[in-house]
C-alpha atoms as a PDB file:
ATOM      1  CA  MET A   1       0.000   0.000   0.000  1.00  0.00           C
ATOM      2  CA  GLN A   2       1.308   3.411  -0.895  1.00  0.00           C
ATOM      3  CA  PHE A   3       0.621   6.560   1.080  1.00  0.00           C
ATOM      4  CA  THR A   4       1.287  10.205   0.312  1.00  0.00           C
ATOM      5  CA  HIS A   5       3.834  12.039   2.453  1.00  0.00           C
ATOM      6  CA  TYR A   6       1.212  13.173   4.923  1.00  0.00           C
ATOM      7  CA  GLY A   7      -0.654   9.886   4.896  1.00  0.00           C
ATOM      8  CA  GLY A   8       2.566   7.906   5.202  1.00  0.00           C
ATOM      9  CA  GLU A   9       5.442   9.622   6.957  1.00  0.00           C
ATOM     10  CA  ALA A  10       3.204  11.728   9.171  1.00  0.00           C
ATOM     11  CA  ALA A  11       1.117   8.675  10.127  1.00  0.00           C
ATOM     12  CA  LEU A  12       4.357   6.881  10.953  1.00  0.00           C
ATOM     13  CA  LEU A  13       5.382   9.932  12.996  1.00  0.00           C
ATOM     14  CA  ALA A  14       2.125   9.594  14.964  1.00  0.00           C
ATOM     15  CA  MET A  15       2.963   5.915  15.513  1.00  0.00           C
ATOM     16  CA  ASP A  16       6.520   6.797  16.608  1.00  0.00           C
ATOM     17  CA  LEU A  17       5.246   9.376  19.092  1.00  0.00           C
ATOM     18  CA  VAL A  18       2.764   6.912  20.592  1.00  0.00           C
ATOM     19  CA  ASN A  19       5.447   4.238  20.862  1.00  0.00           C
ATOM     20  CA  ALA A  20       7.914   6.700  22.412  1.00  0.00           C
ATOM     21  CA  THR A  21       5.289   7.507  25.043  1.00  0.00           C
ATOM     22  CA  ALA A  22       4.979   3.799  25.848  1.00  0.00           C
ATOM     23  CA  THR A  23       8.585   3.735  27.096  1.00  0.00           C
ATOM     24  CA  GLY A  24       7.585   5.946  30.016  1.00  0.00           C
ATOM     25  CA  ALA A  25      10.577   8.249  29.545  1.00  0.00           C
ATOM     26  CA  PRO A  26       9.679  11.943  29.358  1.00  0.00           C
ATOM     27  CA  PHE A  27      10.112  13.596  25.983  1.00  0.00           C
ATOM     28  CA  THR A  28      13.092  15.891  25.673  1.00  0.00           C
ATOM     29  CA  PRO A  29      14.311  17.967  22.750  1.00  0.00           C
ATOM     30  CA  ALA A  30      17.235  15.534  22.364  1.00  0.00           C
ATOM     31  CA  SER A  31      14.976  12.451  22.311  1.00  0.00           C
ATOM     32  CA  LEU A  32      12.547  13.988  19.819  1.00  0.00           C
ATOM     33  CA  GLU A  33      15.093  15.404  17.376  1.00  0.00           C
ATOM     34  CA  PRO A  34      16.088  12.093  15.700  1.00  0.00           C
ATOM     35  CA  LEU A  35      12.485  10.882  15.678  1.00  0.00           C
ATOM     36  CA  LEU A  36      11.247  14.048  13.951  1.00  0.00           C
ATOM     37  CA  ALA A  37      14.188  14.133  11.539  1.00  0.00           C
ATOM     38  CA  ALA A  38      13.593  10.509  10.517  1.00  0.00           C
ATOM     39  CA  ARG A  39      10.061  11.426   9.424  1.00  0.00           C
ATOM     40  CA  GLY A  40      11.027  14.677   7.694  1.00  0.00           C
ATOM     41  CA  THR A  41       9.396  16.899  10.309  1.00  0.00           C
ATOM     42  CA  ALA A  42      12.411  18.578  11.905  1.00  0.00           C
ATOM     43  CA  ARG A  43      12.462  22.309  11.308  1.00  0.00           C
ATOM     44  CA  ARG A  44      14.367  23.421  14.367  1.00  0.00           C
ATOM     45  CA  SER A  45      15.191  22.077  17.794  1.00  0.00           C
ATOM     46  CA  LEU A  46      12.304  22.054  20.233  1.00  0.00           C
ATOM     47  CA  THR A  47      12.367  23.711  23.623  1.00  0.00           C
ATOM     48  CA  LEU A  48      11.715  21.659  26.749  1.00  0.00           C
ATOM     49  CA  ALA A  49       8.204  23.161  26.982  1.00  0.00           C
ATOM     50  CA  GLU A  50       7.499  22.252  23.339  1.00  0.00           C
ATOM     51  CA  ALA A  51       8.737  18.702  23.941  1.00  0.00           C
ATOM     52  CA  ALA A  52       6.277  18.444  26.835  1.00  0.00           C
ATOM     53  CA  GLU A  53       3.468  19.657  24.537  1.00  0.00           C
ATOM     54  CA  VAL A  54       4.399  17.020  21.953  1.00  0.00           C
ATOM     55  CA  GLU A  55       4.371  14.384  24.702  1.00  0.00           C
ATOM     56  CA  ALA A  56       0.876  15.460  25.760  1.00  0.00           C
ATOM     57  CA  TRP A  57      -0.216  15.297  22.100  1.00  0.00           C
ATOM     58  CA  SER A  58       1.186  11.781  21.778  1.00  0.00           C
ATOM     59  CA  HIS A  59      -1.108  10.675  24.612  1.00  0.00           C
ATOM     60  CA  ARG A  60      -4.028  12.058  22.560  1.00  0.00           C
ATOM     61  CA  LEU A  61      -2.833  10.090  19.507  1.00  0.00           C
ATOM     62  CA  ALA A  62      -2.663   6.731  21.310  1.00  0.00           C
ATOM     63  CA  PRO A  63      -6.406   5.870  21.283  1.00  0.00           C
ATOM     64  CA  CYS A  64      -6.405   6.119  17.478  1.00  0.00           C
ATOM     65  CA  PHE A  65      -4.279   2.965  17.333  1.00  0.00           C
ATOM     66  CA  GLY A  66      -6.028   0.943  20.031  1.00  0.00           C
ATOM     67  CA  PRO A  67      -8.423  -1.902  19.354  1.00  0.00           C
ATOM     68  CA  GLN A  68     -11.812  -0.339  18.774  1.00  0.00           C
ATOM     69  CA  ASP A  69     -14.615  -0.230  16.292  1.00  0.00           C
ATOM     70  CA  PRO A  70     -14.217   2.023  13.233  1.00  0.00           C
ATOM     71  CA  ARG A  71     -16.778   4.544  14.494  1.00  0.00           C
ATOM     72  CA  LEU A  72     -14.862   5.170  17.723  1.00  0.00           C
ATOM     73  CA  ARG A  73     -11.589   5.467  15.810  1.00  0.00           C
ATOM     74  CA  ARG A  74     -13.173   8.059  13.475  1.00  0.00           C
ATOM     75  CA  GLU A  75     -14.454  10.007  16.468  1.00  0.00           C
ATOM     76  CA  ALA A  76     -11.004   9.962  18.079  1.00  0.00           C
ATOM     77  CA  VAL A  77      -9.372  11.266  14.899  1.00  0.00           C
ATOM     78  CA  ASN A  78     -12.098  13.888  14.429  1.00  0.00           C
ATOM     79  CA  GLY A  79     -11.326  15.100  17.958  1.00  0.00           C
ATOM     80  CA  LEU A  80      -7.651  15.424  17.019  1.00  0.00           C
ATOM     81  CA  LEU A  81      -8.515  17.298  13.835  1.00  0.00           C
ATOM     82  CA  ALA A  82     -10.664  19.736  15.812  1.00  0.00           C
ATOM     83  CA  GLU A  83      -7.934  20.216  18.406  1.00  0.00           C
ATOM     84  CA  ALA A  84      -5.228  20.700  15.768  1.00  0.00           C
ATOM     85  CA  ALA A  85      -7.428  23.316  14.063  1.00  0.00           C
ATOM     86  CA  SER A  86      -5.219  23.447  11.007  1.00  0.00           C
ATOM     87  CA  LYS A  87      -5.884  25.453   7.889  1.00  0.00           C
ATOM     88  CA  PRO A  88      -4.457  23.512   4.946  1.00  0.00           C
ATOM     89  CA  TYR A  89      -3.040  25.508   2.070  1.00  0.00           C
ATOM     90  CA  ILE A  90      -1.344  24.728  -1.238  1.00  0.00           C
ATOM     91  CA  THR A  91       2.325  25.608  -1.508  1.00  0.00           C
ATOM     92  CA  VAL A  92       5.208  25.244  -3.922  1.00  0.00           C
ATOM     93  CA  HIS A  93       8.779  25.375  -2.653  1.00  0.00           C
ATOM     94  CA  ASP A  94      12.168  23.852  -3.303  1.00  0.00           C
ATOM     95  CA  GLY A  95      11.195  22.981  -6.873  1.00  0.00           C
ATOM     96  CA  HIS A  96       8.527  20.534  -5.731  1.00  0.00           C
ATOM     97  CA  ALA A  97       5.111  20.184  -7.328  1.00  0.00           C
ATOM     98  CA  PRO A  98       2.200  21.931  -5.618  1.00  0.00           C
ATOM     99  CA  HIS A  99       1.290  20.160  -2.394  1.00  0.00           C
ATOM    100  CA  LEU A 100      -0.597  20.725   0.844  1.00  0.00           C
ATOM    101  CA  HIS A 101       0.825  22.096   4.049  1.00  0.00           C
ATOM    102  CA  TYR A 102      -1.332  21.702   7.111  1.00  0.00           C
ATOM    103  CA  ALA A 103       0.023  24.403   9.412  1.00  0.00           C
ATOM    104  CA  ASP A 104       1.476  27.871   8.985  1.00  0.00           C
ATOM    105  CA  PRO A 105       5.208  27.681   9.794  1.00  0.00           C
ATOM    106  CA  ALA A 106       4.841  30.814  11.920  1.00  0.00           C
ATOM    107  CA  LEU A 107       2.734  28.809  14.396  1.00  0.00           C
ATOM    108  CA  GLY A 108       5.765  26.756  15.432  1.00  0.00           C
ATOM    109  CA  PRO A 109       6.747  23.107  15.451  1.00  0.00           C
ATOM    110  CA  VAL A 110       4.124  21.856  17.919  1.00  0.00           C
ATOM    111  CA  ALA A 111       1.275  23.192  15.774  1.00  0.00           C
ATOM    112  CA  HIS A 112       2.922  21.591  12.755  1.00  0.00           C
ATOM    113  CA  ILE A 113       3.255  18.203  14.510  1.00  0.00           C
ATOM    114  CA  ARG A 114      -0.359  18.317  15.672  1.00  0.00           C
ATOM    115  CA  ALA A 115      -1.665  19.287  12.252  1.00  0.00           C
ATOM    116  CA  VAL A 116       0.280  16.754  10.206  1.00  0.00           C
ATOM    117  CA  THR A 117      -0.305  13.804  12.543  1.00  0.00           C
ATOM    118  CA  ALA A 118      -4.050  14.471  12.829  1.00  0.00           C
ATOM    119  CA  ALA A 119      -4.345  14.926   9.052  1.00  0.00           C
ATOM    120  CA  ALA A 120      -2.294  11.790   8.417  1.00  0.00           C
ATOM    121  CA  LEU A 121      -4.453   9.615  10.657  1.00  0.00           C
ATOM    122  CA  ALA A 122      -7.542  11.004   8.919  1.00  0.00           C
ATOM    123  CA  HIS A 123      -5.930  10.250   5.552  1.00  0.00           C
ATOM    124  CA  VAL A 124      -5.221   6.643   6.567  1.00  0.00           C
ATOM    125  CA  ILE A 125      -8.769   6.118   7.813  1.00  0.00           C
ATOM    126  CA  CYS A 126     -10.387   7.698   4.743  1.00  0.00           C
ATOM    127  CA  PHE A 127      -8.186   6.285   1.998  1.00  0.00           C
ATOM    128  CA  ALA A 128      -6.843   3.018   3.416  1.00  0.00           C
ATOM    129  CA  GLY A 129      -9.325   2.071   6.158  1.00  0.00           C
ATOM    130  CA  PRO A 130      -9.472   2.362   9.935  1.00  0.00           C
ATOM    131  CA  SER A 131      -8.119  -1.162  10.396  1.00  0.00           C
ATOM    132  CA  ARG A 132      -4.753   0.072   9.033  1.00  0.00           C
ATOM    133  CA  LEU A 133      -4.076   1.629  12.456  1.00  0.00           C
ATOM    134  CA  GLY A 134      -3.451  -0.959  15.137  1.00  0.00           C
ATOM    135  CA  THR A 135      -1.558  -2.245  18.129  1.00  0.00           C
ATOM    136  CA  CYS A 136       0.645  -5.311  18.225  1.00  0.00           C
ATOM    137  CA  ALA A 137      -1.229  -8.558  18.900  1.00  0.00           C
ATOM    138  CA  ARG A 138       1.645  -9.969  20.957  1.00  0.00           C
ATOM    139  CA  ALA A 139       0.480  -9.940  24.570  1.00  0.00           C
ATOM    140  CA  ARG A 140       3.620  -8.395  26.064  1.00  0.00           C
ATOM    141  CA  CYS A 141       4.121  -5.752  23.378  1.00  0.00           C
ATOM    142  CA  GLY A 142       1.203  -3.485  22.463  1.00  0.00           C
ATOM    143  CA  LEU A 143       3.220  -1.063  20.308  1.00  0.00           C
ATOM    144  CA  ALA A 144       1.282   0.942  17.726  1.00  0.00           C
ATOM    145  CA  PHE A 145       1.701   0.344  13.998  1.00  0.00           C
ATOM    146  CA  VAL A 146       0.461   1.635  10.659  1.00  0.00           C
ATOM    147  CA  ASP A 147      -0.334  -1.303   8.377  1.00  0.00           C
ATOM    148  CA  THR A 148       1.264  -0.556   5.013  1.00  0.00           C
ATOM    149  CA  SER A 149       1.001  -4.153   3.804  1.00  0.00           C
ATOM    150  CA  ARG A 150      -0.659  -4.976   0.517  1.00  0.00           C
ATOM    151  CA  ASN A 151      -3.518  -6.990   2.023  1.00  0.00           C
ATOM    152  CA  GLY A 152      -4.049  -4.895   5.157  1.00  0.00           C
ATOM    153  CA  ARG A 153      -4.080  -7.837   7.574  1.00  0.00           C
ATOM    154  CA  ARG A 154      -1.092  -7.004   9.718  1.00  0.00           C
ATOM    155  CA  ALA A 155      -1.476  -7.900  13.388  1.00  0.00           C
ATOM    156  CA  TYR A 156       2.018  -7.292  14.776  1.00  0.00           C
ATOM    157  CA  CYS A 157       4.268  -4.259  15.055  1.00  0.00           C
ATOM    158  CA  SER A 158       7.233  -6.153  13.618  1.00  0.00           C
ATOM    159  CA  VAL A 159       8.332  -9.465  12.158  1.00  0.00           C
ATOM    160  CA  ARG A 160      10.155 -10.114  15.419  1.00  0.00           C
ATOM    161  CA  CYS A 161       6.944  -9.885  17.458  1.00  0.00           C
ATOM    162  CA  ALA A 162       5.097 -12.077  14.935  1.00  0.00           C
ATOM    163  CA  ASN A 163       7.840 -14.709  15.155  1.00  0.00           C
ATOM    164  CA  ASN A 164       8.020 -14.564  18.962  1.00  0.00           C
ATOM    165  CA  ASP A 165       4.262 -15.003  19.182  1.00  0.00           C
ATOM    166  CA  ALA A 166       4.334 -17.940  16.743  1.00  0.00           C
ATOM    167  CA  VAL A 167       7.088 -19.640  18.760  1.00  0.00           C
ATOM    168  CA  ALA A 168       5.115 -19.106  21.990  1.00  0.00           C
ATOM    169  CA  ARG A 169       1.982 -20.625  20.405  1.00  0.00           C
ATOM    170  CA  HIS A 170       4.034 -23.583  19.130  1.00  0.00           C
ATOM    171  CA  ARG A 171       5.522 -24.194  22.581  1.00  0.00           C
ATOM    172  CA  ARG A 172       2.080 -24.054  24.205  1.00  0.00           C
ATOM    173  CA  ARG A 173       0.765 -26.655  21.746  1.00  0.00           C
ATOM    174  CA  GLY A 174       3.756 -28.876  22.509  1.00  0.00           C
ATOM    175  CA  THR A 175       2.995 -28.888  26.225  1.00  0.00           C
ATOM    176  CA  ASP A 176      -0.705 -29.752  25.875  1.00  0.00           C
END
């Protein structure tokens, strides 16, 4: 499955933020910088206060990945869209084709992160399906994932978790 930049990288940024929250470590500018840069969202270093705002936002993103019916997932994303209150606009820069930006750069990096992650989750739900947002089926994991597979039936955050779960099921069958 192919996603646009906002439907792909920004949705993966939302996933990364949720998973970073799961570690329990507080967000810092230093911990967020590589995460944001990896998803093409780094504009400048965040302040400690901005990192705390991004951490609070990541807690708001988490329910969008949890196991729930499609209606509740849509409502959760609609709440994020309302909170982000972005005003998309068409831009051309750096020789790129016209494309959408979801937040005015003057509003700062936190507004940008809120706008692009909320828009990306909405994009995934509308154009790929709400089941493309999930949490790992392995009992001791629970990390969030965006299912970019062709058939859309992913149940684990990684191949490692899928393999570990398969081995655990095999061992349980062997002891019965």
